[in-house]
């Protein structure tokens, strides 16, 4: 299967606002049939601010063994997967937007020749405030996430950095412009 479309993998540290930007763009591109927003599968119950398909660990592993994921990874004691349905959309030359992980970039780069990595960033104090306000973790877990985020950089010719430290509309409009540009290439 030839993958002519563009996979836009949105990455960045916890609290950078990846889901916020994806939701912003999804709301404005609802009628564009050439742009698909992926719903991840995660071994965690549904949480506020994150639209995913919750599964238990056993179900996740079964899906891995059956080849149901285009990409999958482990992070923060959880399993994450991007459904293999994206390959069908990409084979039709369409744009696929997925919230990913910096740890899967080597695999994604090998598998998807038309990859664009959108690295969402924000200063450490903004990340810390957002993680605490999110309320999913205790302060020690938040501290560990922040330390890990400092240790992972995202580099490459396929990387676009978007600062999301201000009002979400500013970064949201920049992200939206990128998606519109990519979708214009497929038409």
N, C-alpha and C. Protein backbone atom coordinates (compact mmCIF):
# COMPACT_ATOMS: atom_id res chain seq x y z
N UNK A 1 0.85 -1.18 0.00
CA UNK A 1 0.00 0.00 0.00
C UNK A 1 0.89 1.24 0.00
N UNK A 2 0.67 2.10 -0.95
CA UNK A 2 1.44 3.34 -1.06
C UNK A 2 0.79 4.43 -0.21
N UNK A 3 1.56 5.02 0.67
CA UNK A 3 1.03 6.03 1.59
C UNK A 3 1.40 7.42 1.09
N UNK A 4 0.51 7.99 0.29
CA UNK A 4 0.76 9.29 -0.34
C UNK A 4 0.37 10.47 0.53
N UNK A 5 -0.51 10.25 1.49
CA UNK A 5 -0.98 11.34 2.34
C UNK A 5 0.05 11.75 3.36
N UNK A 6 -0.29 12.76 4.13
CA UNK A 6 0.61 13.27 5.16
C UNK A 6 0.10 12.91 6.54
N UNK A 7 0.97 12.28 7.32
CA UNK A 7 0.69 12.05 8.73
C UNK A 7 1.26 13.22 9.51
N UNK A 8 0.40 13.91 10.23
CA UNK A 8 0.83 15.01 11.10
C UNK A 8 0.79 14.48 12.51
N UNK A 9 1.97 14.24 13.06
CA UNK A 9 2.09 13.70 14.40
C UNK A 9 2.35 14.85 15.36
N UNK A 10 1.41 15.09 16.25
CA UNK A 10 1.49 16.18 17.21
C UNK A 10 2.15 15.63 18.48
N UNK A 11 3.31 16.19 18.82
CA UNK A 11 4.06 15.72 19.98
C UNK A 11 4.41 16.90 20.88
N UNK A 12 4.93 16.59 22.04
CA UNK A 12 5.35 17.62 22.98
C UNK A 12 5.16 17.12 24.39
N UNK A 13 5.69 17.84 25.34
CA UNK A 13 5.59 17.41 26.74
C UNK A 13 4.16 17.48 27.25
N UNK A 14 3.90 16.72 28.29
CA UNK A 14 2.60 16.77 28.95
C UNK A 14 2.32 18.20 29.40
N UNK A 15 1.12 18.67 29.13
CA UNK A 15 0.74 20.03 29.52
C UNK A 15 1.00 21.07 28.46
N UNK A 16 1.61 20.69 27.34
CA UNK A 16 1.90 21.67 26.29
C UNK A 16 0.65 22.11 25.56
N UNK A 17 -0.40 21.30 25.61
CA UNK A 17 -1.65 21.67 24.97
C UNK A 17 -1.88 20.99 23.63
N UNK A 18 -1.36 19.80 23.47
CA UNK A 18 -1.54 19.06 22.21
C UNK A 18 -3.02 18.83 21.91
N UNK A 19 -3.75 18.31 22.89
CA UNK A 19 -5.18 18.04 22.68
C UNK A 19 -5.95 19.34 22.45
N UNK A 20 -5.56 20.40 23.10
CA UNK A 20 -6.22 21.69 22.91
C UNK A 20 -6.09 22.16 21.47
N UNK A 21 -4.89 22.05 20.90
CA UNK A 21 -4.68 22.47 19.51
C UNK A 21 -5.42 21.56 18.54
N UNK A 22 -5.38 20.26 18.81
CA UNK A 22 -6.08 19.31 17.94
C UNK A 22 -7.58 19.58 17.97
N UNK A 23 -8.13 19.81 19.15
CA UNK A 23 -9.57 20.11 19.28
C UNK A 23 -9.92 21.42 18.56
N UNK A 24 -9.05 22.40 18.67
CA UNK A 24 -9.27 23.69 18.01
C UNK A 24 -9.39 23.48 16.50
N UNK A 25 -8.43 22.76 15.94
CA UNK A 25 -8.43 22.53 14.49
C UNK A 25 -9.59 21.63 14.07
N UNK A 26 -9.88 20.61 14.84
CA UNK A 26 -10.99 19.70 14.51
C UNK A 26 -12.30 20.48 14.41
N UNK A 27 -12.51 21.40 15.32
CA UNK A 27 -13.73 22.19 15.31
C UNK A 27 -13.89 23.06 14.08
N UNK A 28 -12.79 23.43 13.47
CA UNK A 28 -12.83 24.30 12.29
C UNK A 28 -12.75 23.54 10.98
N UNK A 29 -12.35 22.29 11.04
CA UNK A 29 -12.20 21.50 9.80
C UNK A 29 -13.18 20.33 9.74
N UNK A 30 -14.28 20.43 10.45
CA UNK A 30 -15.26 19.34 10.50
C UNK A 30 -15.78 18.95 9.12
N UNK A 31 -15.84 19.90 8.22
CA UNK A 31 -16.42 19.61 6.90
C UNK A 31 -15.38 19.26 5.85
N UNK A 32 -14.12 19.22 6.21
CA UNK A 32 -13.09 18.87 5.22
C UNK A 32 -12.91 17.35 5.21
N UNK A 33 -13.34 16.70 4.14
CA UNK A 33 -13.24 15.23 4.09
C UNK A 33 -11.82 14.70 3.90
N UNK A 34 -10.88 15.59 3.65
CA UNK A 34 -9.50 15.16 3.42
C UNK A 34 -8.62 15.23 4.66
N UNK A 35 -9.19 15.70 5.78
CA UNK A 35 -8.43 15.78 7.03
C UNK A 35 -9.11 14.91 8.08
N UNK A 36 -8.36 13.97 8.62
CA UNK A 36 -8.88 13.03 9.61
C UNK A 36 -8.17 13.23 10.94
N UNK A 37 -8.93 13.27 12.01
CA UNK A 37 -8.38 13.39 13.36
C UNK A 37 -8.53 12.04 14.03
N UNK A 38 -7.41 11.49 14.46
CA UNK A 38 -7.37 10.13 15.00
C UNK A 38 -7.77 10.12 16.47
N UNK A 39 -8.57 9.15 16.82
CA UNK A 39 -8.92 8.91 18.22
C UNK A 39 -8.01 7.79 18.71
N UNK A 40 -7.12 8.12 19.64
CA UNK A 40 -6.18 7.13 20.16
C UNK A 40 -6.87 6.12 21.06
N UNK A 41 -6.21 4.99 21.21
CA UNK A 41 -6.62 3.96 22.15
C UNK A 41 -5.63 4.03 23.31
N UNK A 42 -6.14 4.12 24.55
CA UNK A 42 -5.27 4.25 25.72
C UNK A 42 -5.78 3.34 26.82
N UNK A 43 -4.85 2.72 27.51
CA UNK A 43 -5.21 1.84 28.63
C UNK A 43 -5.45 2.67 29.89
N UNK A 44 -6.43 3.60 29.78
CA UNK A 44 -6.78 4.47 30.90
C UNK A 44 -8.25 4.87 30.73
N UNK A 45 -8.96 5.04 31.83
CA UNK A 45 -10.34 5.52 31.72
C UNK A 45 -10.37 6.90 31.05
N UNK A 46 -11.53 7.27 30.56
CA UNK A 46 -11.70 8.58 29.93
C UNK A 46 -11.36 9.67 30.93
N UNK A 47 -10.64 10.69 30.46
CA UNK A 47 -10.24 11.81 31.31
C UNK A 47 -10.71 13.12 30.67
N UNK A 48 -10.92 14.12 31.48
CA UNK A 48 -11.32 15.43 30.99
C UNK A 48 -10.23 15.99 30.09
N UNK A 49 -10.62 16.54 28.94
CA UNK A 49 -9.66 17.17 28.05
C UNK A 49 -8.97 16.23 27.10
N UNK A 50 -9.37 14.96 27.09
CA UNK A 50 -8.70 14.00 26.21
C UNK A 50 -9.73 13.02 25.68
N UNK A 51 -9.93 13.03 24.37
CA UNK A 51 -10.87 12.13 23.74
C UNK A 51 -10.11 10.91 23.25
N UNK A 52 -10.31 9.77 23.91
CA UNK A 52 -9.66 8.54 23.49
C UNK A 52 -10.58 7.36 23.74
N UNK A 53 -10.22 6.23 23.14
CA UNK A 53 -10.96 5.00 23.40
C UNK A 53 -10.29 4.29 24.56
N UNK A 54 -10.97 4.17 25.70
CA UNK A 54 -10.36 3.50 26.85
C UNK A 54 -10.47 1.97 26.72
N UNK A 55 -9.38 1.29 27.00
CA UNK A 55 -9.37 -0.18 27.03
C UNK A 55 -8.53 -0.63 28.21
N UNK A 56 -8.70 -1.88 28.62
CA UNK A 56 -7.83 -2.40 29.66
C UNK A 56 -6.54 -2.94 29.00
N UNK A 57 -5.57 -3.27 29.82
CA UNK A 57 -4.26 -3.70 29.33
C UNK A 57 -4.37 -4.95 28.48
N UNK A 58 -5.20 -5.90 28.88
CA UNK A 58 -5.34 -7.14 28.13
C UNK A 58 -5.90 -6.88 26.73
N UNK A 59 -6.91 -6.03 26.65
CA UNK A 59 -7.49 -5.69 25.35
C UNK A 59 -6.47 -4.97 24.47
N UNK A 60 -5.69 -4.08 25.07
CA UNK A 60 -4.67 -3.37 24.31
C UNK A 60 -3.67 -4.36 23.72
N UNK A 61 -3.18 -5.29 24.55
CA UNK A 61 -2.21 -6.28 24.08
C UNK A 61 -2.78 -7.18 22.99
N UNK A 62 -4.05 -7.53 23.12
CA UNK A 62 -4.70 -8.33 22.08
C UNK A 62 -4.68 -7.58 20.75
N UNK A 63 -4.98 -6.29 20.80
CA UNK A 63 -4.98 -5.47 19.57
C UNK A 63 -3.59 -5.33 18.98
N UNK A 64 -2.59 -5.23 19.84
CA UNK A 64 -1.20 -5.19 19.34
C UNK A 64 -0.90 -6.46 18.57
N UNK A 65 -1.21 -7.60 19.15
CA UNK A 65 -0.94 -8.89 18.52
C UNK A 65 -1.70 -9.07 17.22
N UNK A 66 -2.87 -8.48 17.12
CA UNK A 66 -3.68 -8.59 15.91
C UNK A 66 -3.32 -7.54 14.85
N UNK A 67 -2.34 -6.68 15.15
CA UNK A 67 -1.91 -5.67 14.19
C UNK A 67 -2.88 -4.51 14.02
N UNK A 68 -3.64 -4.22 15.06
CA UNK A 68 -4.65 -3.16 14.98
C UNK A 68 -4.09 -1.75 15.08
N UNK A 69 -2.80 -1.62 15.38
CA UNK A 69 -2.21 -0.29 15.55
C UNK A 69 -1.16 0.00 14.49
N UNK A 70 -1.22 1.20 13.95
CA UNK A 70 -0.18 1.67 13.04
C UNK A 70 1.08 1.99 13.84
N UNK A 71 0.88 2.58 15.00
CA UNK A 71 1.96 2.91 15.93
C UNK A 71 1.44 2.71 17.34
N UNK A 72 2.29 2.23 18.23
CA UNK A 72 1.90 2.10 19.63
C UNK A 72 3.13 2.26 20.51
N UNK A 73 2.90 2.64 21.77
CA UNK A 73 4.00 2.91 22.69
C UNK A 73 3.51 2.82 24.12
N UNK A 74 4.48 2.82 25.03
CA UNK A 74 4.23 2.83 26.46
C UNK A 74 4.77 4.15 27.02
N UNK A 75 4.00 4.75 27.90
CA UNK A 75 4.45 5.98 28.57
C UNK A 75 3.66 6.16 29.85
N UNK A 76 4.34 6.59 30.87
CA UNK A 76 3.69 6.93 32.15
C UNK A 76 2.87 5.76 32.69
N UNK A 77 3.34 4.53 32.44
CA UNK A 77 2.65 3.35 32.93
C UNK A 77 1.40 2.98 32.15
N UNK A 78 1.20 3.59 31.00
CA UNK A 78 0.02 3.34 30.17
C UNK A 78 0.44 2.90 28.77
N UNK A 79 -0.49 2.29 28.06
CA UNK A 79 -0.28 1.90 26.67
C UNK A 79 -1.10 2.81 25.78
N UNK A 80 -0.49 3.27 24.69
CA UNK A 80 -1.13 4.18 23.74
C UNK A 80 -1.04 3.58 22.35
N UNK A 81 -2.08 3.74 21.55
CA UNK A 81 -2.04 3.23 20.19
C UNK A 81 -2.78 4.13 19.21
N UNK A 82 -2.25 4.20 18.00
CA UNK A 82 -2.89 4.90 16.89
C UNK A 82 -3.41 3.81 15.96
N UNK A 83 -4.72 3.76 15.75
CA UNK A 83 -5.32 2.68 14.96
C UNK A 83 -4.75 2.60 13.53
N UNK A 84 -4.67 1.39 13.02
CA UNK A 84 -4.12 1.16 11.68
C UNK A 84 -5.03 1.69 10.58
N UNK A 85 -6.23 2.15 10.92
CA UNK A 85 -7.13 2.75 9.92
C UNK A 85 -6.48 3.96 9.24
N UNK A 86 -5.50 4.56 9.88
CA UNK A 86 -4.85 5.73 9.27
C UNK A 86 -4.19 5.37 7.94
N UNK A 87 -3.75 4.13 7.80
CA UNK A 87 -3.06 3.74 6.57
C UNK A 87 -3.99 3.82 5.36
N UNK A 88 -5.25 3.52 5.54
CA UNK A 88 -6.23 3.63 4.45
C UNK A 88 -6.39 5.09 4.03
N UNK A 89 -6.53 5.99 4.99
CA UNK A 89 -6.66 7.41 4.68
C UNK A 89 -5.40 7.92 3.98
N UNK A 90 -4.24 7.53 4.49
CA UNK A 90 -2.99 7.98 3.89
C UNK A 90 -2.81 7.42 2.48
N UNK A 91 -3.28 6.21 2.24
CA UNK A 91 -3.17 5.62 0.90
C UNK A 91 -4.01 6.39 -0.11
N UNK A 92 -5.05 7.08 0.37
CA UNK A 92 -5.90 7.90 -0.51
C UNK A 92 -5.34 9.32 -0.66
N UNK A 93 -4.18 9.58 -0.05
CA UNK A 93 -3.56 10.89 -0.18
C UNK A 93 -4.11 11.94 0.76
N UNK A 94 -4.78 11.51 1.82
CA UNK A 94 -5.41 12.45 2.74
C UNK A 94 -4.47 12.81 3.90
N UNK A 95 -4.90 13.75 4.71
CA UNK A 95 -4.13 14.23 5.86
C UNK A 95 -4.68 13.58 7.12
N UNK A 96 -3.78 13.06 7.93
CA UNK A 96 -4.16 12.41 9.19
C UNK A 96 -3.44 13.13 10.32
N UNK A 97 -4.20 13.53 11.33
CA UNK A 97 -3.66 14.23 12.50
C UNK A 97 -3.78 13.31 13.70
N UNK A 98 -2.66 13.07 14.38
CA UNK A 98 -2.66 12.19 15.55
C UNK A 98 -1.81 12.77 16.66
N UNK A 99 -2.30 12.64 17.88
CA UNK A 99 -1.53 12.98 19.06
C UNK A 99 -0.60 11.81 19.32
N UNK A 100 0.69 12.06 19.23
CA UNK A 100 1.67 10.97 19.36
C UNK A 100 2.62 11.17 20.51
N UNK A 101 3.75 10.52 20.40
CA UNK A 101 4.79 10.59 21.42
C UNK A 101 6.13 10.81 20.74
N UNK A 102 6.97 11.55 21.41
CA UNK A 102 8.31 11.77 20.88
C UNK A 102 9.09 10.47 20.79
N UNK A 103 8.74 9.49 21.61
CA UNK A 103 9.47 8.22 21.61
C UNK A 103 9.23 7.39 20.35
N UNK A 104 8.13 7.63 19.63
CA UNK A 104 7.85 6.82 18.44
C UNK A 104 8.32 7.49 17.15
N UNK A 105 8.96 8.63 17.25
CA UNK A 105 9.38 9.33 16.04
C UNK A 105 10.28 8.48 15.13
N UNK A 106 11.25 7.73 15.66
CA UNK A 106 12.06 6.92 14.74
C UNK A 106 11.21 5.92 13.94
N UNK A 107 10.27 5.25 14.58
CA UNK A 107 9.40 4.30 13.88
C UNK A 107 8.48 5.02 12.90
N UNK A 108 7.92 6.14 13.31
CA UNK A 108 7.02 6.90 12.44
C UNK A 108 7.77 7.39 11.20
N UNK A 109 8.99 7.84 11.38
CA UNK A 109 9.77 8.33 10.24
C UNK A 109 10.08 7.22 9.25
N UNK A 110 10.30 6.02 9.74
CA UNK A 110 10.56 4.88 8.84
C UNK A 110 9.30 4.46 8.09
N UNK A 111 8.18 4.46 8.76
CA UNK A 111 6.93 3.93 8.19
C UNK A 111 6.19 4.94 7.32
N UNK A 112 6.31 6.23 7.64
CA UNK A 112 5.51 7.25 6.96
C UNK A 112 6.41 8.30 6.30
N UNK A 113 6.62 8.16 4.98
CA UNK A 113 7.53 9.08 4.28
C UNK A 113 7.02 10.52 4.25
N UNK A 114 5.70 10.71 4.33
CA UNK A 114 5.12 12.05 4.32
C UNK A 114 4.76 12.46 5.75
N UNK A 115 5.73 12.45 6.63
CA UNK A 115 5.50 12.77 8.04
C UNK A 115 5.83 14.22 8.31
N UNK A 116 4.94 14.89 9.03
CA UNK A 116 5.21 16.22 9.56
C UNK A 116 5.03 16.13 11.07
N UNK A 117 6.06 16.47 11.80
CA UNK A 117 6.02 16.45 13.26
C UNK A 117 5.74 17.86 13.74
N UNK A 118 4.64 18.03 14.46
CA UNK A 118 4.33 19.33 15.07
C UNK A 118 4.67 19.21 16.54
N UNK A 119 5.74 19.89 16.93
CA UNK A 119 6.22 19.86 18.31
C UNK A 119 5.61 21.04 19.06
N UNK A 120 4.64 20.74 19.92
CA UNK A 120 3.97 21.78 20.70
C UNK A 120 4.80 22.02 21.96
N UNK A 121 5.12 23.28 22.21
CA UNK A 121 6.01 23.61 23.33
C UNK A 121 5.42 24.74 24.18
N UNK A 122 5.88 24.77 25.41
CA UNK A 122 5.53 25.84 26.35
C UNK A 122 6.61 25.87 27.43
N UNK A 123 6.85 27.01 28.05
CA UNK A 123 7.86 27.09 29.11
C UNK A 123 7.51 26.16 30.29
N UNK A 124 8.53 25.78 31.04
CA UNK A 124 8.38 24.84 32.14
C UNK A 124 7.35 25.30 33.17
N UNK A 125 7.31 26.58 33.49
CA UNK A 125 6.34 27.05 34.50
C UNK A 125 4.90 26.90 33.99
N UNK A 126 4.70 27.10 32.70
CA UNK A 126 3.36 26.93 32.12
C UNK A 126 2.97 25.46 32.14
N UNK A 127 3.92 24.59 31.78
CA UNK A 127 3.65 23.14 31.80
C UNK A 127 3.26 22.70 33.21
N UNK A 128 4.03 23.14 34.20
CA UNK A 128 3.78 22.74 35.59
C UNK A 128 2.39 23.19 36.04
N UNK A 129 2.04 24.41 35.74
CA UNK A 129 0.72 24.94 36.13
C UNK A 129 -0.40 24.13 35.49
N UNK A 130 -0.26 23.85 34.20
CA UNK A 130 -1.30 23.09 33.49
C UNK A 130 -1.43 21.67 34.03
N UNK A 131 -0.32 21.02 34.32
CA UNK A 131 -0.38 19.65 34.83
C UNK A 131 -1.04 19.59 36.20
N UNK A 132 -0.72 20.54 37.05
CA UNK A 132 -1.33 20.58 38.38
C UNK A 132 -2.83 20.85 38.26
N UNK A 133 -3.21 21.80 37.40
CA UNK A 133 -4.62 22.13 37.22
C UNK A 133 -5.41 20.99 36.61
N UNK A 134 -4.76 20.18 35.79
CA UNK A 134 -5.42 19.04 35.16
C UNK A 134 -5.89 18.03 36.20
N UNK A 135 -5.12 17.90 37.28
CA UNK A 135 -5.53 17.09 38.41
C UNK A 135 -5.52 15.58 38.21
N UNK A 136 -4.83 15.09 37.20
CA UNK A 136 -4.78 13.64 36.96
C UNK A 136 -3.75 12.94 37.83
N UNK A 137 -2.76 13.70 38.32
CA UNK A 137 -1.63 13.08 39.01
C UNK A 137 -1.27 13.85 40.27
N UNK A 138 -0.53 13.17 41.14
CA UNK A 138 -0.04 13.85 42.33
C UNK A 138 1.18 14.70 41.95
N UNK A 139 1.64 15.52 42.89
CA UNK A 139 2.73 16.45 42.60
C UNK A 139 4.03 15.74 42.23
N UNK A 140 4.30 14.59 42.83
CA UNK A 140 5.52 13.84 42.49
C UNK A 140 5.47 13.36 41.04
N UNK A 141 4.33 12.88 40.60
CA UNK A 141 4.17 12.44 39.21
C UNK A 141 4.33 13.62 38.24
N UNK A 142 3.79 14.77 38.62
CA UNK A 142 3.94 15.97 37.80
C UNK A 142 5.42 16.34 37.69
N UNK A 143 6.13 16.29 38.81
CA UNK A 143 7.56 16.62 38.81
C UNK A 143 8.33 15.67 37.89
N UNK A 144 8.01 14.38 37.96
CA UNK A 144 8.68 13.38 37.11
C UNK A 144 8.41 13.65 35.63
N UNK A 145 7.18 14.01 35.30
CA UNK A 145 6.85 14.33 33.90
C UNK A 145 7.66 15.53 33.42
N UNK A 146 7.77 16.54 34.26
CA UNK A 146 8.51 17.74 33.87
C UNK A 146 9.99 17.43 33.66
N UNK A 147 10.55 16.60 34.50
CA UNK A 147 11.96 16.21 34.35
C UNK A 147 12.15 15.46 33.03
N UNK A 148 11.26 14.52 32.74
CA UNK A 148 11.35 13.76 31.48
C UNK A 148 11.22 14.68 30.28
N UNK A 149 10.33 15.67 30.38
CA UNK A 149 10.12 16.55 29.23
C UNK A 149 11.37 17.37 28.91
N UNK A 150 12.14 17.69 29.93
CA UNK A 150 13.38 18.45 29.71
C UNK A 150 14.43 17.60 28.99
N UNK A 151 14.34 16.28 29.14
CA UNK A 151 15.35 15.38 28.60
C UNK A 151 15.07 14.96 27.16
N UNK A 152 13.91 15.28 26.61
CA UNK A 152 13.55 14.85 25.27
C UNK A 152 13.46 16.04 24.34
N UNK A 153 14.34 16.06 23.34
CA UNK A 153 14.26 17.12 22.35
C UNK A 153 13.75 16.52 21.04
N UNK A 154 13.18 17.36 20.22
CA UNK A 154 12.64 16.94 18.94
C UNK A 154 13.35 17.74 17.86
N UNK A 155 14.11 17.06 17.05
CA UNK A 155 14.89 17.71 16.00
C UNK A 155 14.62 17.05 14.67
N UNK A 156 14.86 17.77 13.59
CA UNK A 156 14.76 17.19 12.26
C UNK A 156 14.15 18.15 11.26
N UNK A 157 14.37 17.86 9.99
CA UNK A 157 13.83 18.69 8.92
C UNK A 157 12.31 18.58 8.81
N UNK A 158 11.75 17.53 9.42
CA UNK A 158 10.30 17.31 9.35
C UNK A 158 9.57 17.86 10.59
N UNK A 159 10.25 18.70 11.38
CA UNK A 159 9.69 19.20 12.63
C UNK A 159 9.30 20.67 12.50
N UNK A 160 8.08 20.98 12.92
CA UNK A 160 7.60 22.35 13.02
C UNK A 160 7.27 22.59 14.49
N UNK A 161 7.87 23.60 15.08
CA UNK A 161 7.63 23.92 16.50
C UNK A 161 6.55 24.98 16.61
N UNK A 162 5.57 24.73 17.47
CA UNK A 162 4.53 25.72 17.75
C UNK A 162 4.54 26.01 19.24
N UNK A 163 4.77 27.28 19.58
CA UNK A 163 4.74 27.71 20.98
C UNK A 163 3.28 27.87 21.39
N UNK A 164 2.89 27.18 22.45
CA UNK A 164 1.52 27.25 22.94
C UNK A 164 1.49 27.78 24.37
N UNK A 165 2.25 28.82 24.63
CA UNK A 165 2.29 29.37 25.98
C UNK A 165 1.31 30.49 26.20
N UNK A 166 0.74 31.01 25.13
CA UNK A 166 -0.22 32.11 25.25
C UNK A 166 -1.64 31.62 25.10
N UNK A 167 -2.52 32.52 24.69
CA UNK A 167 -3.92 32.11 24.47
C UNK A 167 -3.99 31.00 23.42
N UNK A 168 -4.83 29.99 23.63
CA UNK A 168 -4.86 28.85 22.71
C UNK A 168 -5.23 29.23 21.27
N UNK A 169 -5.92 30.34 21.08
CA UNK A 169 -6.30 30.75 19.73
C UNK A 169 -5.08 31.09 18.87
N UNK A 170 -4.03 31.61 19.49
CA UNK A 170 -2.85 32.01 18.72
C UNK A 170 -2.17 30.77 18.14
N UNK A 171 -1.84 29.83 19.01
CA UNK A 171 -1.22 28.59 18.53
C UNK A 171 -2.20 27.79 17.69
N UNK A 172 -3.49 27.83 18.05
CA UNK A 172 -4.52 27.12 17.31
C UNK A 172 -4.61 27.58 15.87
N UNK A 173 -4.55 28.88 15.65
CA UNK A 173 -4.60 29.41 14.28
C UNK A 173 -3.36 29.02 13.48
N UNK A 174 -2.22 29.00 14.14
CA UNK A 174 -0.98 28.57 13.44
C UNK A 174 -1.09 27.11 13.03
N UNK A 175 -1.56 26.28 13.95
CA UNK A 175 -1.73 24.85 13.67
C UNK A 175 -2.76 24.65 12.56
N UNK A 176 -3.87 25.37 12.63
CA UNK A 176 -4.91 25.28 11.61
C UNK A 176 -4.36 25.63 10.23
N UNK A 177 -3.54 26.68 10.15
CA UNK A 177 -2.94 27.08 8.88
C UNK A 177 -2.07 25.96 8.30
N UNK A 178 -1.35 25.26 9.16
CA UNK A 178 -0.52 24.13 8.71
C UNK A 178 -1.40 23.03 8.13
N UNK A 179 -2.48 22.71 8.81
CA UNK A 179 -3.37 21.66 8.33
C UNK A 179 -4.02 22.04 7.00
N UNK A 180 -4.46 23.28 6.88
CA UNK A 180 -5.08 23.74 5.63
C UNK A 180 -4.07 23.67 4.49
N UNK A 181 -2.84 24.06 4.76
CA UNK A 181 -1.79 23.99 3.74
C UNK A 181 -1.57 22.54 3.30
N UNK A 182 -1.47 21.63 4.27
CA UNK A 182 -1.25 20.22 3.93
C UNK A 182 -2.44 19.64 3.17
N UNK A 183 -3.66 19.97 3.59
CA UNK A 183 -4.85 19.48 2.91
C UNK A 183 -4.92 20.02 1.48
N UNK A 184 -4.46 21.25 1.28
CA UNK A 184 -4.45 21.84 -0.06
C UNK A 184 -3.53 21.08 -1.00
N UNK A 185 -2.51 20.47 -0.47
CA UNK A 185 -1.59 19.69 -1.30
C UNK A 185 -2.20 18.38 -1.77
N UNK A 186 -3.23 17.90 -1.05
CA UNK A 186 -3.83 16.61 -1.41
C UNK A 186 -4.94 16.76 -2.44
N UNK A 187 -5.41 17.98 -2.64
CA UNK A 187 -6.56 18.18 -3.55
C UNK A 187 -6.12 18.44 -4.97
